[in-house]
Amino acid sequence: MGGDVVWSAAFNVGSTTRNLERRRLTALQCVKPASRQRPRTVRLQLAYFPEIYDQELLYSVIARYSLHTGRPNKRFLLTELFDDRHVKAIFDLPTRLGILAERIATTRPLQAQDLIRRNTLYPYYAAFVPVERRKEAADGMIAAHPNVRALLNANLRYLDPVRHLRFCPDCLDEMKLRYGELYWRRDHQLPTVLVCPNHGGPLYNSTVQVGYNQTSYEPATQITSSNLARATVSCGSATGLNHLRRIALRSSRLLTEHVQSLGITTPSKMYGPRLAKKGLIKQGGRLDRRAAIELVQRHFEDVAEAWPLLFGPGSRGVDWIVRMVRDAPIARHPVLHLLLEDMLESDIQAKVASPLSPVPTGEESLWPCRNPLAHHFGDRVV
């Protein structure tokens, strides 16, 4: 009987040990490895964010933030602002702006839409895009849509892309006096702005490279005023510079003025009446291709050197006007609209080519109506 007691006690001890081991193994199976655990989401709020200056590019604001806060580590900066260390430093149409706006909300009441409208090149590219694509592109910039450029038709076909951030020496002097520091102006980075809209002098390329694989935000420090900077255009004639300035002013206005979307309006309906007034429409409503190309070559002769892809030798370089007025509701690049508007309104713009020109009065002060559905479309009634 004593042996039975010893055997029973040993059995109980063994059973208890097996139960404890079974519980330990079960607990280990319920706990995921640390690498597989989902990190806890922490909503960060920035205690400081720089004041945004007049016409400052968002790229520039982030660069000054990095400079002011001493954030040399690019990955730490990107994680702090965008919650993603792999974000690219895109200067014209950045994304993930929803997260950035949330994190600077405690510093100032800014919405993502405000950053898009005031500090990116979105208004320029969206000016001639249907409403649906405008909204989809804006939503993509708030989130992380990979095809924002395609939605806005921002891929350059007729112009060389902007490869270096650009500046105006006169604007730099004004920035130093007014703000005590330098920044990148967004109107200087437009592909159709080669001269400063405010001062009329050529813009200069800095040493700061931009592209779609850049990960660092470079501030507009003294490097921008280096003697090694090269002008964006070599057009030396006063007539050519004035013409480029007219185009620059028209381009920069797209950033600040609300332009009604074209919707399904075709280019032929939008520009047809004014092309007819120029004698460029044949009987039957077709464009006189030869006459249109000759007018383009003659009108842009003083700036042809600045844009060789648009005004190259022979008629092939200016075939864009033929494609522009085809009866199809296709969103064209803003440069085509801007140049066509400049040519069709040349009689008006010639009177305001110089800032010293007298202010026109009477009928000369009226602008042509741009509503393609109005019966007086193209007439000076505005």
Protein backbone atom coordinates (compact mmCIF):
# COMPACT_ATOMS: atom_id res chain seq x y z
CA MET A 1 0.00 0.00 0.00
CA GLY A 2 2.91 2.35 0.72
CA GLY A 3 4.11 1.76 -2.81
CA ASP A 4 0.72 2.83 -4.12
CA VAL A 5 0.98 6.13 -2.24
CA VAL A 6 4.45 6.85 -3.60
CA TRP A 7 3.30 6.04 -7.14
CA SER A 8 0.23 8.28 -6.77
CA ALA A 9 2.32 11.22 -5.53
CA ALA A 10 4.78 10.82 -8.38
CA PHE A 11 1.89 10.73 -10.87
CA ASN A 12 0.42 13.93 -9.46
CA VAL A 13 3.77 15.73 -9.65
CA GLY A 14 4.29 14.59 -13.22
CA SER A 15 0.78 15.64 -14.21
CA THR A 16 1.26 19.09 -12.67
CA THR A 17 4.55 19.56 -14.51
CA ARG A 18 2.96 18.58 -17.84
CA ASN A 19 0.08 21.00 -17.27
CA LEU A 20 2.44 23.86 -16.51
CA GLU A 21 4.49 23.11 -19.63
CA ARG A 22 1.32 22.90 -21.72
CA ARG A 23 0.16 26.31 -20.41
CA ARG A 24 3.57 27.86 -21.09
CA LEU A 25 3.54 26.61 -24.68
CA THR A 26 -0.01 27.87 -25.18
CA ALA A 27 0.96 31.32 -23.90
CA LEU A 28 3.95 31.45 -26.22
CA GLN A 29 1.77 30.61 -29.21
CA CYS A 30 -0.60 33.48 -28.39
CA VAL A 31 2.19 36.07 -28.35
CA LYS A 32 3.34 37.20 -31.82
CA PRO A 33 6.99 37.90 -32.39
CA ALA A 34 7.96 41.55 -31.98
CA SER A 35 8.67 41.94 -35.71
CA ARG A 36 5.11 40.88 -36.57
CA GLN A 37 3.32 43.04 -34.06
CA ARG A 38 1.47 45.99 -35.58
CA PRO A 39 3.01 49.22 -34.29
CA ARG A 40 0.74 51.40 -32.26
CA THR A 41 -0.35 54.50 -34.20
CA VAL A 42 0.78 57.70 -32.50
CA ARG A 43 -0.72 60.99 -33.70
CA LEU A 44 2.18 63.43 -33.64
CA GLN A 45 1.75 67.19 -33.50
CA LEU A 46 4.50 69.61 -34.45
CA ALA A 47 5.34 72.19 -31.81
CA TYR A 48 6.80 74.48 -34.47
CA PHE A 49 6.34 75.10 -38.17
CA PRO A 50 7.75 78.08 -40.09
CA GLU A 51 5.66 81.00 -41.24
CA ILE A 52 4.77 80.53 -44.90
CA TYR A 53 5.89 83.49 -47.00
CA ASP A 54 4.27 85.08 -50.04
CA GLN A 55 4.20 82.67 -53.01
CA GLU A 56 6.52 80.24 -51.21
CA LEU A 57 6.83 76.71 -52.49
CA LEU A 58 5.91 74.01 -49.96
CA TYR A 59 9.26 72.38 -50.76
CA SER A 60 10.88 75.60 -49.49
CA VAL A 61 8.83 75.66 -46.28
CA ILE A 62 9.92 72.13 -45.43
CA ALA A 63 13.54 73.00 -46.25
CA ARG A 64 13.41 75.97 -43.86
CA TYR A 65 11.80 73.76 -41.21
CA SER A 66 14.70 71.34 -41.50
CA LEU A 67 17.16 74.23 -41.24
CA HIS A 68 15.45 75.90 -38.28
CA THR A 69 14.99 72.72 -36.23
CA GLY A 70 18.36 71.17 -37.03
CA ARG A 71 17.09 67.97 -38.63
CA PRO A 72 20.11 66.67 -40.58
CA ASN A 73 18.72 63.13 -40.73
CA LYS A 74 16.50 62.98 -43.82
CA ARG A 75 14.67 59.85 -42.74
CA PHE A 76 13.85 61.31 -39.35
CA LEU A 77 12.57 64.50 -41.01
CA LEU A 78 10.34 62.60 -43.45
CA THR A 79 8.95 60.38 -40.70
CA GLU A 80 8.26 63.38 -38.50
CA LEU A 81 6.38 65.27 -41.21
CA PHE A 82 4.83 62.56 -43.39
CA ASP A 83 4.97 59.40 -41.24
CA ASP A 84 6.92 57.80 -44.09
CA ARG A 85 10.70 57.89 -44.40
CA HIS A 86 10.53 56.96 -48.10
CA VAL A 87 8.65 60.09 -49.25
CA LYS A 88 10.27 61.83 -52.21
CA ALA A 89 11.06 65.54 -52.12
CA ILE A 90 8.83 66.50 -55.06
CA PHE A 91 8.84 70.24 -55.61
CA ASP A 92 5.78 70.74 -57.83
CA LEU A 93 3.05 68.18 -57.02
CA PRO A 94 3.89 66.57 -53.63
CA THR A 95 1.72 63.94 -51.97
CA ARG A 96 0.78 62.80 -48.44
CA LEU A 97 -0.21 66.36 -47.58
CA GLY A 98 -3.12 65.19 -45.44
CA ILE A 99 -0.76 63.82 -42.79
CA LEU A 100 1.42 66.94 -42.96
CA ALA A 101 -1.58 69.24 -42.48
CA GLU A 102 -2.76 67.23 -39.47
CA ARG A 103 0.63 67.50 -37.82
CA ILE A 104 0.94 71.26 -38.21
CA ALA A 105 -2.68 71.89 -37.19
CA THR A 106 -1.69 72.90 -33.65
CA THR A 107 0.73 75.51 -35.00
CA ARG A 108 -1.75 77.21 -37.36
CA PRO A 109 -5.19 76.30 -38.78
CA LEU A 110 -4.09 74.96 -42.17
CA GLN A 111 -5.97 72.46 -44.27
CA ALA A 112 -4.40 70.19 -46.87
CA GLN A 113 -6.41 72.00 -49.54
CA ASP A 114 -4.79 75.28 -48.48
CA LEU A 115 -1.31 73.86 -48.97
CA ILE A 116 -2.27 72.46 -52.37
CA ARG A 117 -3.83 75.69 -53.60
CA ARG A 118 -1.32 78.19 -52.17
CA ASN A 119 2.04 76.40 -52.05
CA THR A 120 2.20 73.89 -54.90
CA LEU A 121 1.94 74.10 -58.68
CA TYR A 122 -1.44 72.36 -58.66
CA PRO A 123 -3.48 75.47 -59.72
CA TYR A 124 -1.26 75.90 -62.78
CA TYR A 125 -1.67 72.33 -64.03
CA ALA A 126 -5.33 72.06 -63.02
CA ALA A 127 -6.42 75.26 -64.79
CA PHE A 128 -7.44 73.50 -68.01
CA VAL A 129 -8.46 70.11 -66.60
CA PRO A 130 -12.07 68.91 -66.15
CA VAL A 131 -13.54 69.17 -62.67
CA GLU A 132 -13.57 65.41 -62.05
CA ARG A 133 -9.87 65.03 -62.75
CA ARG A 134 -9.08 68.13 -60.72
CA LYS A 135 -10.76 66.64 -57.67
CA GLU A 136 -9.17 63.23 -58.15
CA ALA A 137 -5.73 64.80 -58.44
CA ALA A 138 -6.25 66.94 -55.33
CA ASP A 139 -7.39 63.88 -53.38
CA GLY A 140 -4.30 62.07 -54.63
CA MET A 141 -2.04 64.82 -53.29
CA ILE A 142 -3.77 64.64 -49.92
CA ALA A 143 -3.18 60.88 -49.83
CA ALA A 144 -0.47 59.23 -51.93
CA HIS A 145 -1.87 58.73 -55.43
CA PRO A 146 0.90 57.57 -57.78
CA ASN A 147 -0.67 59.09 -60.93
CA VAL A 148 -1.22 62.72 -59.92
CA ARG A 149 0.91 64.00 -62.79
CA ALA A 150 -0.96 61.93 -65.33
CA LEU A 151 -4.32 63.15 -64.02
CA LEU A 152 -3.22 66.77 -64.48
CA ASN A 153 -1.44 66.10 -67.77
CA ALA A 154 1.70 67.56 -66.18
CA ASN A 155 4.22 65.42 -68.04
CA LEU A 156 6.24 67.73 -70.24
CA ARG A 157 6.31 66.89 -73.91
CA TYR A 158 6.94 70.27 -75.47
CA LEU A 159 9.30 71.76 -72.86
CA ASP A 160 12.46 70.71 -71.11
CA PRO A 161 11.67 69.77 -67.49
CA VAL A 162 12.79 71.96 -64.60
CA ARG A 163 15.97 70.30 -63.34
CA HIS A 164 17.23 73.00 -60.94
CA LEU A 165 15.33 75.32 -58.64
CA ARG A 166 15.38 78.85 -60.03
CA PHE A 167 15.60 82.32 -58.53
CA CYS A 168 15.62 86.02 -59.34
CA PRO A 169 18.51 88.07 -57.86
CA ASP A 170 16.24 91.09 -57.34
CA CYS A 171 13.71 88.94 -55.50
CA LEU A 172 16.47 87.63 -53.22
CA ASP A 173 17.37 91.17 -52.18
CA GLU A 174 13.73 91.91 -51.38
CA MET A 175 13.43 88.70 -49.34
CA LYS A 176 16.46 89.62 -47.23
CA LEU A 177 15.05 93.06 -46.46
CA ARG A 178 11.52 91.87 -45.72
CA TYR A 179 11.99 88.46 -44.07
CA GLY A 180 15.69 88.22 -43.21
CA GLU A 181 16.04 84.92 -45.07
CA LEU A 182 15.63 83.45 -48.53
CA TYR A 183 13.07 81.03 -49.94
CA TRP A 184 12.01 79.43 -53.20
CA ARG A 185 9.14 81.18 -55.01
CA ARG A 186 6.71 78.82 -56.67
CA ASP A 187 6.04 81.03 -59.73
CA HIS A 188 9.77 80.90 -60.55
CA GLN A 189 9.52 77.11 -60.90
CA LEU A 190 6.80 77.08 -63.56
CA PRO A 191 8.05 75.60 -66.87
CA THR A 192 6.70 78.58 -68.83
CA VAL A 193 8.31 81.20 -66.57
CA LEU A 194 11.84 81.99 -67.76
CA VAL A 195 11.94 85.60 -66.58
CA CYS A 196 10.78 87.04 -63.27
CA PRO A 197 7.14 88.20 -63.55
CA ASN A 198 7.83 91.02 -61.06
CA HIS A 199 11.15 92.38 -62.33
CA GLY A 200 11.36 91.16 -65.93
CA GLY A 201 14.93 89.91 -65.69
CA PRO A 202 16.02 86.37 -66.58
CA LEU A 203 15.74 83.70 -63.88
CA TYR A 204 18.87 81.81 -62.85
CA ASN A 205 19.34 78.09 -62.25
CA SER A 206 20.64 77.28 -58.79
CA THR A 207 22.80 74.28 -57.97
CA VAL A 208 19.87 72.56 -56.22
CA GLN A 209 18.72 69.68 -58.37
CA VAL A 210 15.09 68.60 -58.36
CA GLY A 211 13.46 65.49 -59.72
CA TYR A 212 11.26 62.61 -58.75
CA ASN A 213 13.96 60.59 -56.96
CA GLN A 214 15.24 63.32 -54.66
CA THR A 215 14.83 62.78 -50.92
CA SER A 216 16.37 65.95 -49.48
CA TYR A 217 14.88 69.42 -49.14
CA GLU A 218 17.49 72.10 -49.84
CA PRO A 219 16.90 75.63 -48.49
CA ALA A 220 17.53 78.74 -50.58
CA THR A 221 20.75 79.71 -48.80
CA GLN A 222 23.64 81.77 -50.15
CA ILE A 223 24.36 79.01 -52.65
CA THR A 224 21.64 80.48 -54.85
CA SER A 225 23.58 83.72 -55.36
CA SER A 226 26.72 81.95 -56.53
CA ASN A 227 28.49 83.40 -59.54
CA LEU A 228 28.27 79.96 -61.13
CA ALA A 229 24.49 80.28 -61.57
CA ARG A 230 23.40 80.27 -65.21
CA ALA A 231 20.50 82.17 -66.72
CA THR A 232 17.54 80.10 -67.88
CA VAL A 233 17.31 82.00 -71.17
CA SER A 234 19.87 83.71 -73.39
CA CYS A 235 17.37 85.93 -75.16
CA GLY A 236 19.10 89.30 -75.17
CA SER A 237 16.67 91.50 -77.08
CA ALA A 238 14.31 93.78 -75.16
CA THR A 239 11.44 92.64 -77.37
CA GLY A 240 12.09 89.00 -76.55
CA LEU A 241 12.35 89.64 -72.81
CA ASN A 242 9.11 91.62 -72.84
CA HIS A 243 7.40 88.80 -74.70
CA LEU A 244 8.68 86.23 -72.22
CA ARG A 245 7.50 88.43 -69.39
CA ARG A 246 3.99 88.57 -70.82
CA ILE A 247 3.92 84.78 -70.89
CA ALA A 248 5.38 84.65 -67.37
CA LEU A 249 2.70 87.02 -66.04
CA ARG A 250 -0.03 84.98 -67.72
CA SER A 251 1.46 81.79 -66.24
CA SER A 252 1.79 83.15 -62.71
CA ARG A 253 -1.83 84.36 -62.73
CA LEU A 254 -2.93 80.74 -63.04
CA LEU A 255 -1.51 80.18 -59.54
CA THR A 256 -3.64 82.82 -57.87
CA GLU A 257 -6.72 83.32 -60.03
CA HIS A 258 -9.55 80.80 -60.03
CA VAL A 259 -9.99 79.53 -63.57
CA GLN A 260 -13.31 77.92 -64.43
CA SER A 261 -12.75 74.37 -65.61
CA LEU A 262 -13.32 73.65 -69.27
CA GLY A 263 -15.46 70.62 -68.50
CA ILE A 264 -16.34 68.99 -71.82
CA THR A 265 -15.72 72.15 -73.84
CA THR A 266 -13.54 71.30 -76.82
CA PRO A 267 -10.62 73.52 -77.86
CA SER A 268 -12.31 74.24 -81.19
CA LYS A 269 -15.31 75.75 -79.39
CA MET A 270 -13.09 77.64 -76.99
CA TYR A 271 -10.74 79.18 -79.56
CA GLY A 272 -12.65 78.79 -82.82
CA PRO A 273 -14.28 82.26 -82.93
CA ARG A 274 -11.01 84.06 -82.28
CA LEU A 275 -9.14 81.90 -84.76
CA ALA A 276 -11.77 82.83 -87.31
CA LYS A 277 -11.21 86.52 -86.59
CA LYS A 278 -7.51 85.96 -87.34
CA GLY A 279 -8.49 84.45 -90.68
CA LEU A 280 -7.28 80.97 -89.72
CA ILE A 281 -10.54 79.07 -90.28
CA LYS A 282 -11.45 77.85 -93.75
CA GLN A 283 -14.92 77.44 -95.14
CA GLY A 284 -16.42 74.41 -93.48
CA GLY A 285 -14.88 75.24 -90.10
CA ARG A 286 -11.48 73.61 -90.62
CA LEU A 287 -8.22 75.16 -89.50
CA ASP A 288 -6.02 76.63 -92.21
CA ARG A 289 -2.94 74.68 -91.21
CA ARG A 290 -0.43 76.56 -93.33
CA ALA A 291 -1.68 79.99 -92.28
CA ALA A 292 -1.77 78.96 -88.61
CA ILE A 293 1.80 77.67 -88.65
CA GLU A 294 3.04 80.82 -90.41
CA LEU A 295 1.32 82.99 -87.80
CA VAL A 296 2.87 80.98 -84.95
CA GLN A 297 6.35 81.25 -86.44
CA ARG A 298 5.95 84.98 -86.99
CA HIS A 299 4.42 85.76 -83.59
CA PHE A 300 6.93 83.74 -81.53
CA GLU A 301 10.00 84.51 -83.60
CA ASP A 302 11.57 86.59 -80.80
CA VAL A 303 11.26 83.75 -78.23
CA ALA A 304 11.77 80.70 -80.46
CA GLU A 305 15.28 80.18 -79.12
CA ALA A 306 13.96 79.77 -75.58
CA TRP A 307 11.69 76.84 -76.51
CA PRO A 308 13.24 74.89 -79.41
CA LEU A 309 10.87 71.94 -78.98
CA LEU A 310 7.89 74.23 -79.61
CA PHE A 311 9.31 76.43 -82.33
CA GLY A 312 11.87 74.22 -84.01
CA PRO A 313 12.91 74.54 -87.66
CA GLY A 314 10.25 73.58 -90.20
CA SER A 315 6.55 73.15 -89.69
CA ARG A 316 6.85 70.05 -87.47
CA GLY A 317 8.07 72.15 -84.57
CA VAL A 318 4.84 74.15 -84.46
CA ASP A 319 2.32 71.44 -85.25
CA TRP A 320 1.08 71.79 -81.67
CA ILE A 321 -1.40 74.44 -82.78
CA VAL A 322 -2.98 71.91 -85.16
CA ARG A 323 -3.33 69.35 -82.37
CA MET A 324 -4.54 72.04 -80.00
CA VAL A 325 -7.71 72.87 -81.95
CA ARG A 326 -8.72 69.34 -82.82
CA ASP A 327 -12.33 68.68 -81.90
CA ALA A 328 -11.63 66.46 -78.89
CA PRO A 329 -12.16 67.25 -75.18
CA ILE A 330 -8.57 66.37 -74.26
CA ALA A 331 -6.76 68.18 -71.46
CA ARG A 332 -3.73 69.83 -73.01
CA HIS A 333 -0.64 70.99 -71.20
CA PRO A 334 -1.03 74.57 -69.88
CA VAL A 335 1.82 75.79 -72.09
CA LEU A 336 -0.30 75.23 -75.20
CA HIS A 337 -3.23 77.19 -73.81
CA LEU A 338 -0.94 79.98 -72.61
CA LEU A 339 0.84 80.37 -75.93
CA LEU A 340 -2.35 80.21 -77.96
CA GLU A 341 -3.97 82.82 -75.71
CA ASP A 342 -0.88 85.01 -76.08
CA MET A 343 -1.03 84.81 -79.86
CA LEU A 344 -4.77 85.43 -80.11
CA GLU A 345 -4.62 88.41 -77.78
CA SER A 346 -1.40 89.84 -79.18
CA ASP A 347 -3.10 93.04 -80.25
CA ILE A 348 -4.14 93.72 -76.65
CA GLN A 349 -1.00 92.44 -74.93
CA ALA A 350 1.27 94.57 -77.13
CA LYS A 351 -0.18 97.64 -75.44
CA VAL A 352 0.80 96.41 -71.96
CA ALA A 353 4.15 94.85 -72.86
CA SER A 354 6.01 97.45 -70.85
CA PRO A 355 5.12 98.35 -67.25
CA LEU A 356 5.71 101.98 -68.25
CA SER A 357 3.03 101.92 -70.93
CA PRO A 358 0.06 104.26 -70.28
CA VAL A 359 -3.07 102.65 -68.88
CA PRO A 360 -5.56 102.19 -71.75
CA THR A 361 -8.97 103.76 -71.50
CA GLY A 362 -12.32 103.36 -73.22
CA GLU A 363 -12.79 100.34 -75.46
CA GLU A 364 -9.06 99.61 -75.35
CA SER A 365 -9.33 98.80 -71.62
CA LEU A 366 -11.80 95.95 -72.23
CA TRP A 367 -10.70 92.32 -72.25
CA PRO A 368 -12.15 89.62 -74.51
CA CYS A 369 -14.87 87.39 -73.09
CA ARG A 370 -13.57 83.87 -72.37
CA ASN A 371 -16.92 82.16 -71.92
CA PRO A 372 -17.25 79.88 -74.98
CA LEU A 373 -21.02 79.64 -74.48
CA ALA A 374 -21.64 83.40 -74.64
CA HIS A 375 -22.80 84.99 -77.89
CA HIS A 376 -20.11 87.69 -77.52
CA PHE A 377 -17.27 85.18 -76.97
CA GLY A 378 -13.98 86.77 -78.03
CA ASP A 379 -15.32 90.32 -78.04
CA ARG A 380 -13.92 93.00 -75.75
CA VAL A 381 -16.73 93.34 -73.26
CA VAL A 382 -15.09 92.49 -69.93
